[in-house]
Protein backbone atom coordinates (compact mmCIF):
# COMPACT_ATOMS: atom_id res chain seq x y z
CA UNK A 1 84.24 84.37 75.14
CA UNK A 2 80.87 85.10 76.74
CA UNK A 3 82.26 84.46 80.23
CA UNK A 4 85.20 86.72 79.49
CA UNK A 5 82.91 89.50 78.27
CA UNK A 6 80.71 89.28 81.38
CA UNK A 7 83.68 89.31 83.73
CA UNK A 8 85.26 92.29 81.96
CA UNK A 9 81.93 94.13 82.20
CA UNK A 10 81.83 93.50 85.94
CA UNK A 11 85.46 94.56 86.21
CA UNK A 12 84.56 97.83 84.50
CA UNK A 13 81.63 98.28 86.89
CA UNK A 14 84.02 97.81 89.79
CA UNK A 15 86.49 100.35 88.45
CA UNK A 16 88.91 97.72 87.15
CA UNK A 17 90.13 97.40 83.58
CA UNK A 18 92.49 95.67 81.19
CA UNK A 19 92.85 92.21 79.71
CA UNK A 20 96.08 91.75 81.65
CA UNK A 21 94.21 92.28 84.88
CA UNK A 22 91.69 89.61 83.87
CA UNK A 23 94.40 87.12 82.95
CA UNK A 24 96.38 87.56 86.17
CA UNK A 25 93.48 87.74 88.61
CA UNK A 26 90.95 85.39 87.08
CA UNK A 27 89.93 83.76 90.36
CA UNK A 28 89.56 87.14 92.08
CA UNK A 29 87.50 88.45 89.21
CA UNK A 30 85.18 85.49 89.35
CA UNK A 31 84.87 86.13 93.06
CA UNK A 32 83.81 89.73 92.39
CA UNK A 33 81.32 88.54 89.80
CA UNK A 34 79.72 86.14 92.26
CA UNK A 35 79.87 88.57 95.17
CA UNK A 36 78.06 91.66 93.91
CA UNK A 37 75.26 92.19 96.47
CA UNK A 38 71.61 91.99 95.54
CA UNK A 39 70.19 93.72 98.63
CA UNK A 40 70.40 97.21 100.17
CA UNK A 41 71.50 96.17 103.65
CA UNK A 42 75.13 97.31 103.44
CA UNK A 43 75.84 96.52 107.09
CA UNK A 44 74.81 92.92 106.52
CA UNK A 45 76.91 92.29 103.40
CA UNK A 46 79.63 89.64 103.49
CA UNK A 47 83.31 90.56 103.06
CA UNK A 48 83.38 89.41 99.40
CA UNK A 49 80.23 91.45 98.72
CA UNK A 50 81.81 94.52 100.30
CA UNK A 51 85.05 94.02 98.37
CA UNK A 52 83.06 94.04 95.15
CA UNK A 53 80.63 96.81 96.03
CA UNK A 54 82.60 99.48 97.90
CA UNK A 55 84.31 100.47 94.63
CA UNK A 56 81.00 100.54 92.74
CA UNK A 57 78.34 101.82 95.14
CA UNK A 58 77.15 104.43 92.65
CA UNK A 59 76.65 101.77 89.95
CA UNK A 60 74.88 99.04 91.91
CA UNK A 61 71.27 98.58 90.79
CA UNK A 62 70.21 97.56 94.31
CA UNK A 63 71.16 100.96 95.73
CA UNK A 64 69.65 104.38 95.20
CA UNK A 65 70.74 106.69 92.43
CA UNK A 66 73.75 108.96 92.85
CA UNK A 67 74.31 112.60 91.97
CA UNK A 68 77.56 113.44 90.19
CA UNK A 69 80.12 116.00 91.35
CA UNK A 70 82.31 117.39 88.59
CA UNK A 71 86.07 117.77 89.11
CA UNK A 72 88.08 120.95 88.86
CA UNK A 73 89.35 122.25 85.51
CA UNK A 74 92.62 122.98 87.31
CA UNK A 75 93.39 120.03 89.61
CA UNK A 76 95.58 120.78 92.59
CA UNK A 77 98.98 119.26 91.77
CA UNK A 78 100.20 116.47 94.02
CA UNK A 79 103.85 116.16 93.02
CA UNK A 80 106.03 113.34 94.24
CA UNK A 81 107.99 114.11 97.38
CA UNK A 82 110.81 112.29 99.08
CA UNK A 83 109.69 108.63 99.32
CA UNK A 84 108.70 107.73 102.88
CA UNK A 85 110.01 104.33 103.85
CA UNK A 86 107.53 102.86 106.33
CA UNK A 87 108.77 99.48 107.57
CA UNK A 88 106.06 96.84 107.40
CA UNK A 89 103.72 98.86 105.18
CA UNK A 90 102.89 95.86 102.98
CA UNK A 91 101.90 93.79 106.00
CA UNK A 92 99.91 96.75 107.31
CA UNK A 93 98.03 97.09 104.02
CA UNK A 94 97.21 93.38 104.03
CA UNK A 95 96.05 93.33 107.65
CA UNK A 96 93.87 96.40 107.05
CA UNK A 97 92.46 94.88 103.86
CA UNK A 98 93.39 98.28 102.45
CA UNK A 99 92.22 99.45 99.03
CA UNK A 100 94.13 102.73 99.02
CA UNK A 101 96.73 104.59 101.07
CA UNK A 102 98.02 108.05 100.18
CA UNK A 103 100.40 109.94 102.48
CA UNK A 104 100.94 113.61 101.67
CA UNK A 105 103.30 115.96 103.48
CA UNK A 106 103.86 119.60 102.56
CA UNK A 107 101.57 119.06 99.57
CA UNK A 108 103.69 116.24 98.12
CA UNK A 109 102.93 112.54 97.91
CA UNK A 110 105.42 110.61 100.01
CA UNK A 111 103.75 107.21 99.80
CA UNK A 112 100.94 105.81 97.66
CA UNK A 113 99.77 102.20 97.64
CA UNK A 114 96.68 100.32 96.49
CA UNK A 115 95.20 96.89 97.16
CA UNK A 116 92.15 94.67 96.66
CA UNK A 117 92.42 95.25 92.90
CA UNK A 118 91.68 98.96 93.38
CA UNK A 119 93.74 101.81 91.88
CA UNK A 120 94.19 105.58 91.77
CA UNK A 121 91.50 106.02 89.11
CA UNK A 122 88.72 104.26 91.01
CA UNK A 123 86.11 105.71 93.37
CA UNK A 124 85.81 104.10 96.83
CA UNK A 125 82.91 104.87 99.13
CA UNK A 126 83.51 107.11 102.14
CA UNK A 127 80.91 106.01 104.67
CA UNK A 128 81.13 108.49 107.56
CA UNK A 129 84.12 110.34 106.12
CA UNK A 130 81.32 112.19 104.29
CA UNK A 131 80.23 113.67 107.63
CA UNK A 132 83.26 115.95 107.69
CA UNK A 133 82.51 117.17 104.17
CA UNK A 134 78.89 117.85 105.16
CA UNK A 135 79.88 119.83 108.25
CA UNK A 136 82.28 121.91 106.15
CA UNK A 137 79.37 122.84 103.91
CA UNK A 138 77.68 124.33 106.99
CA UNK A 139 80.71 126.60 107.28
CA UNK A 140 80.39 127.52 103.61
CA UNK A 141 76.66 128.24 104.07
CA UNK A 142 77.45 130.54 106.99
CA UNK A 143 80.10 132.33 104.92
CA UNK A 144 77.57 132.71 102.09
CA UNK A 145 74.88 134.02 104.47
CA UNK A 146 72.46 131.11 104.00
CA UNK A 147 72.79 130.09 107.67
CA UNK A 148 72.87 133.01 110.09
CA UNK A 149 74.27 131.46 113.24
CA UNK A 150 75.27 128.17 114.83
CA UNK A 151 72.91 129.14 117.65
CA UNK A 152 69.90 129.04 115.32
CA UNK A 153 67.40 126.27 116.00
CA UNK A 154 67.45 123.41 113.49
CA UNK A 155 63.67 123.65 113.10
CA UNK A 156 64.15 127.17 111.73
CA UNK A 157 65.58 125.55 108.59
CA UNK A 158 63.63 122.27 108.71
CA UNK A 159 60.05 123.23 109.69
CA UNK A 160 58.90 119.58 109.74
CA UNK A 161 60.96 119.16 112.94
CA UNK A 162 58.78 121.60 114.87
CA UNK A 163 57.11 119.89 117.80
CA UNK A 164 59.66 117.05 117.80
CA UNK A 165 62.59 116.40 120.13
CA UNK A 166 64.69 118.41 117.67
CA UNK A 167 62.64 121.59 118.02
CA UNK A 168 64.97 123.03 120.68
CA UNK A 169 68.23 121.70 119.21
CA UNK A 170 70.68 124.24 117.77
CA UNK A 171 72.78 123.89 114.63
CA UNK A 172 75.89 123.70 116.84
CA UNK A 173 74.39 120.88 118.90
CA UNK A 174 73.59 118.97 115.72
CA UNK A 175 77.17 119.46 114.48
CA UNK A 176 78.61 118.17 117.75
CA UNK A 177 76.13 115.28 118.09
CA UNK A 178 74.87 116.56 121.40
CA UNK A 179 71.16 116.88 120.59
CA UNK A 180 70.17 114.59 123.46
CA UNK A 181 67.79 112.64 121.19
CA UNK A 182 67.77 108.86 121.65
CA UNK A 183 69.55 106.87 118.91
CA UNK A 184 71.11 103.42 118.44
CA UNK A 185 74.27 103.33 116.25
CA UNK A 186 75.17 99.63 116.71
CA UNK A 187 76.34 98.58 113.23
CA UNK A 188 75.91 94.89 113.99
CA UNK A 189 72.33 95.17 115.26
CA UNK A 190 69.88 94.88 112.33
CA UNK A 191 67.20 96.61 114.41
CA UNK A 192 69.37 99.61 115.33
CA UNK A 193 68.29 103.02 114.12
CA UNK A 194 71.37 103.24 111.90
CA UNK A 195 70.28 100.08 110.09
CA UNK A 196 66.60 100.95 109.85
CA UNK A 197 66.30 104.64 109.11
CA UNK A 198 67.49 104.59 105.49
CA UNK A 199 64.92 101.93 104.62
CA UNK A 200 61.97 103.35 106.58
CA UNK A 201 58.99 104.53 104.57
CA UNK A 202 58.68 108.32 104.89
CA UNK A 203 55.50 110.21 105.63
CA UNK A 204 53.89 111.48 102.46
CA UNK A 205 55.56 114.60 101.11
CA UNK A 206 58.31 114.57 103.75
CA UNK A 207 62.03 113.87 103.53
CA UNK A 208 62.75 110.31 104.66
CA UNK A 209 65.39 111.32 107.23
CA UNK A 210 63.20 114.05 108.72
CA UNK A 211 60.23 111.68 108.83
CA UNK A 212 62.22 109.11 110.83
CA UNK A 213 64.13 111.48 113.11
CA UNK A 214 61.14 113.58 114.16
CA UNK A 215 59.59 110.54 115.84
CA UNK A 216 62.55 109.83 118.12
CA UNK A 217 62.21 110.57 121.85
CA UNK A 218 64.48 112.77 123.96
CA UNK A 219 67.04 111.05 126.20
CA UNK A 220 68.96 114.08 127.57
CA UNK A 221 68.66 117.87 127.57
CA UNK A 222 70.17 119.41 124.40
CA UNK A 223 73.90 120.06 124.59
CA UNK A 224 74.59 117.97 127.69
CA UNK A 225 75.62 114.53 126.34
CA UNK A 226 77.66 113.53 123.27
CA UNK A 227 76.20 110.54 121.43
CA UNK A 228 77.22 109.42 117.94
CA UNK A 229 74.29 109.68 115.55
CA UNK A 230 74.53 109.28 111.77
CA UNK A 231 70.91 110.33 111.36
CA UNK A 232 71.79 113.77 112.66
CA UNK A 233 74.39 114.24 109.93
CA UNK A 234 71.68 113.41 107.42
CA UNK A 235 69.61 116.16 109.05
CA UNK A 236 72.55 118.54 108.59
CA UNK A 237 72.46 117.69 104.90
CA UNK A 238 68.76 118.50 104.72
CA UNK A 239 69.45 121.72 106.63
CA UNK A 240 72.17 122.82 104.18
CA UNK A 241 70.04 121.94 101.16
CA UNK A 242 67.04 123.76 102.64
CA UNK A 243 69.08 126.85 103.49
CA UNK A 244 70.95 127.07 100.19
CA UNK A 245 68.09 125.83 97.97
CA UNK A 246 70.67 123.63 96.25
CA UNK A 247 71.30 119.87 96.22
CA UNK A 248 74.12 118.95 98.57
CA UNK A 249 76.25 117.53 95.74
CA UNK A 250 75.92 120.75 93.75
CA UNK A 251 76.93 122.86 96.75
CA UNK A 252 79.87 120.54 97.43
CA UNK A 253 80.97 120.90 93.81
CA UNK A 254 80.70 124.70 93.96
CA UNK A 255 82.30 125.28 97.35
CA UNK A 256 84.86 122.49 97.79
CA UNK A 257 85.29 120.06 94.89
CA UNK A 258 86.15 122.58 92.19
CA UNK A 259 87.83 125.32 94.29
CA UNK A 260 90.00 122.80 96.17
CA UNK A 261 91.21 121.31 92.89
CA UNK A 262 89.77 117.82 93.04
CA UNK A 263 91.03 115.82 90.09
CA UNK A 264 88.33 113.19 89.56
CA UNK A 265 84.57 113.05 89.40
CA UNK A 266 82.84 112.07 92.63
CA UNK A 267 79.33 110.88 93.34
CA UNK A 268 76.96 111.06 96.30
CA UNK A 269 74.26 108.46 96.87
CA UNK A 270 70.69 109.67 97.23
CA UNK A 271 68.17 108.54 99.82
CA UNK A 272 64.52 107.70 99.21
CA UNK A 273 63.44 111.33 99.07
CA UNK A 274 66.12 112.31 96.58
CA UNK A 275 68.38 114.03 99.15
CA UNK A 276 72.03 113.05 99.38
CA UNK A 277 72.74 110.72 102.29
CA UNK A 278 74.80 113.35 104.08
CA UNK A 279 76.23 111.06 106.75
CA UNK A 280 77.56 108.59 104.24
CA UNK A 281 78.22 107.44 100.74
CA UNK A 282 80.42 109.98 98.99
CA UNK A 283 82.41 108.08 96.34
CA UNK A 284 85.76 109.57 95.38
CA UNK A 285 89.36 108.83 94.43
CA UNK A 286 91.75 108.35 97.33
CA UNK A 287 93.91 111.25 96.15
CA UNK A 288 90.90 113.57 96.30
CA UNK A 289 90.20 112.50 99.87
CA UNK A 290 93.80 113.55 100.54
CA UNK A 291 93.15 116.89 98.83
CA UNK A 292 90.33 117.47 101.32
CA UNK A 293 92.96 117.22 104.02
CA UNK A 294 95.03 119.85 102.24
CA UNK A 295 91.94 122.08 102.04
CA UNK A 296 91.66 121.85 105.83
CA UNK A 297 95.37 122.56 106.27
CA UNK A 298 94.83 125.67 104.12
CA UNK A 299 92.13 126.78 106.60
CA UNK A 300 89.47 126.50 103.92
CA UNK A 301 91.22 128.85 101.52
CA UNK A 302 91.30 127.62 97.93
CA UNK A 303 92.84 129.55 95.08
CA UNK A 304 92.84 132.71 97.16
CA UNK A 305 89.16 132.33 97.98
CA UNK A 306 88.08 131.87 101.60
CA UNK A 307 85.35 129.21 101.36
CA UNK A 308 84.42 129.05 105.05
CA UNK A 309 84.70 131.74 107.75
CA UNK A 310 88.33 132.41 108.67
CA UNK A 311 87.71 131.05 112.18
CA UNK A 312 85.67 128.02 111.07
CA UNK A 313 88.32 125.31 111.37
CA UNK A 314 89.62 126.81 114.59
CA UNK A 315 86.38 125.47 116.08
CA UNK A 316 85.47 122.63 113.71
CA UNK A 317 88.60 120.51 114.09
CA UNK A 318 89.15 121.13 117.79
CA UNK A 319 87.54 119.33 120.70
CA UNK A 320 84.02 120.54 121.36
CA UNK A 321 82.73 117.47 123.20
CA UNK A 322 84.31 114.83 125.40
CA UNK A 323 83.73 111.32 124.05
CA UNK A 324 84.99 109.39 127.05
CA UNK A 325 88.32 108.36 125.48
CA UNK A 326 91.58 109.82 126.87
CA UNK A 327 93.33 112.08 124.39
CA UNK A 328 90.38 112.30 122.01
CA UNK A 329 87.25 114.34 121.43
CA UNK A 330 84.71 115.44 118.86
CA UNK A 331 84.49 118.69 116.90
CA UNK A 332 82.06 119.60 114.13
CA UNK A 333 81.73 116.07 112.70
CA UNK A 334 85.50 115.56 113.07
CA UNK A 335 87.30 113.25 115.51
CA UNK A 336 89.93 115.22 117.40
CA UNK A 337 93.20 114.33 119.11
CA UNK A 338 94.68 116.32 121.97
CA UNK A 339 97.95 116.74 120.02
CA UNK A 340 96.08 118.91 117.49
CA UNK A 341 95.53 116.23 114.87
CA UNK A 342 92.07 115.47 113.53
CA UNK A 343 90.41 112.74 111.49
CA UNK A 344 87.40 112.00 109.34
CA UNK A 345 86.47 108.36 109.88
CA UNK A 346 84.12 105.91 108.22
CA UNK A 347 83.19 102.34 109.06
CA UNK A 348 85.16 99.48 107.50
CA UNK A 349 88.36 101.53 107.42
CA UNK A 350 87.79 104.78 105.53
CA UNK A 351 89.72 107.76 106.85
CA UNK A 352 91.41 111.12 106.40
CA UNK A 353 93.97 111.86 109.11
CA UNK A 354 95.24 115.45 109.27
CA UNK A 355 98.19 116.60 111.37
CA UNK A 356 98.60 120.40 111.07
CA UNK A 357 101.85 120.48 113.05
CA UNK A 358 103.56 118.16 110.55
CA UNK A 359 101.62 119.37 107.49
CA UNK A 360 100.62 115.73 107.11
CA UNK A 361 97.60 114.07 105.51
CA UNK A 362 96.96 110.31 105.42
CA UNK A 363 94.00 109.21 103.29
CA UNK A 364 93.03 105.55 103.42
CA UNK A 365 90.29 103.28 102.15
CA UNK A 366 89.74 99.68 103.17
CA UNK A 367 87.30 96.87 103.83
CA UNK A 368 87.90 95.86 107.42
CA UNK A 369 86.64 92.53 108.67
CA UNK A 370 84.07 94.34 110.84
CA UNK A 371 82.56 97.81 110.73
CA UNK A 372 84.31 99.12 113.87
CA UNK A 373 84.81 96.29 116.37
CA UNK A 374 87.74 94.43 114.81
CA UNK A 375 91.47 94.93 115.49
CA UNK A 376 92.06 97.19 112.49
CA UNK A 377 91.11 100.46 114.19
CA UNK A 378 93.82 100.26 116.84
CA UNK A 379 96.33 99.17 114.21
CA UNK A 380 95.51 102.21 112.11
CA UNK A 381 95.99 104.51 115.10
CA UNK A 382 99.39 102.90 115.66
CA UNK A 383 100.23 103.40 111.98
CA UNK A 384 99.41 107.12 112.21
CA UNK A 385 101.76 107.41 115.19
CA UNK A 386 104.44 105.44 113.35
CA UNK A 387 104.31 107.83 110.39
CA UNK A 388 104.46 110.83 112.73
CA UNK A 389 107.53 109.38 114.44
CA UNK A 390 109.26 108.69 111.13
CA UNK A 391 108.69 112.29 110.04
CA UNK A 392 109.94 113.60 113.37
CA UNK A 393 113.09 111.50 112.89
CA UNK A 394 113.77 113.23 109.60
CA UNK A 395 112.69 110.45 107.27
């Protein structure tokens, strides 16, 4: 009985429930119990540890606290549409190690699947999918008058960056990751900036991200070179919080989560200084990630209210910087495709794919074998194209 009680408690922590679930997946449950990580180094966790933790990041004692984001009183309906028959979808889910897959077209769910013991009621972590939410909050802050212009210098809103390599960097250059500041984003290098900066001890009285980033040297003139940099998204979060005088989670709740009709509570992990980790770690239901795609398709209009400037997404989800890959680019913290589609992407298989031409949203969560360097990324791109082709064929 004691073992059963402990395992059920862990199942609840992981967003799983029910005696039937315990009876049918006893070995898997015991695996989750043994796998819960006891260290903060997410990038160094094993696959079993990630399987257990990605659905429970906001409840793991080894991680920082999280701030809650309340759902809407009037959730945006996601009625069932014509079922989309995607040949090989079960094999695709298995090969992706997918936890959730929701395909929405014209506001209706055409396919919804879950795996890894996850379900529609659970919260899965976003990783860098959060970047696209954070950049959208910049648009909201401009609409609200908190940020005057994308041409403003970042140090105007974060004074502790004065005198650093970021002193001459504009808000637009931060959004497009073209600051020119040196940064290492290798997820498999334990000494890379992306692995070290969240655990670095901040200077007294200073935000941890700002403290780390202000010490980095310049590699290129601002605006000249695109270079992926999660630390800069964290700076965007500090910028939005500083400009609005509100925690990022609160502003997200006010400007997107409630107006866009999100159905479930979300959470956002906090860094050492108590700021949300803006480049990562937004925990939400897969359906609500899909609703974010619908918010973008609606041009940021929710319930008749224009949340961002009317021309915001015309710039944000279109190619602003060349990334050296044919047919692709980078917008305001969005990955762009030359066919007009756009995606929010996070390591280990998190994603929101948005195709305006087809009124299509594909939200997916997973635990890939590797952060970015495995075969799953190309397979997901092929899956997106397969779904597009099926829709074009009238399916």
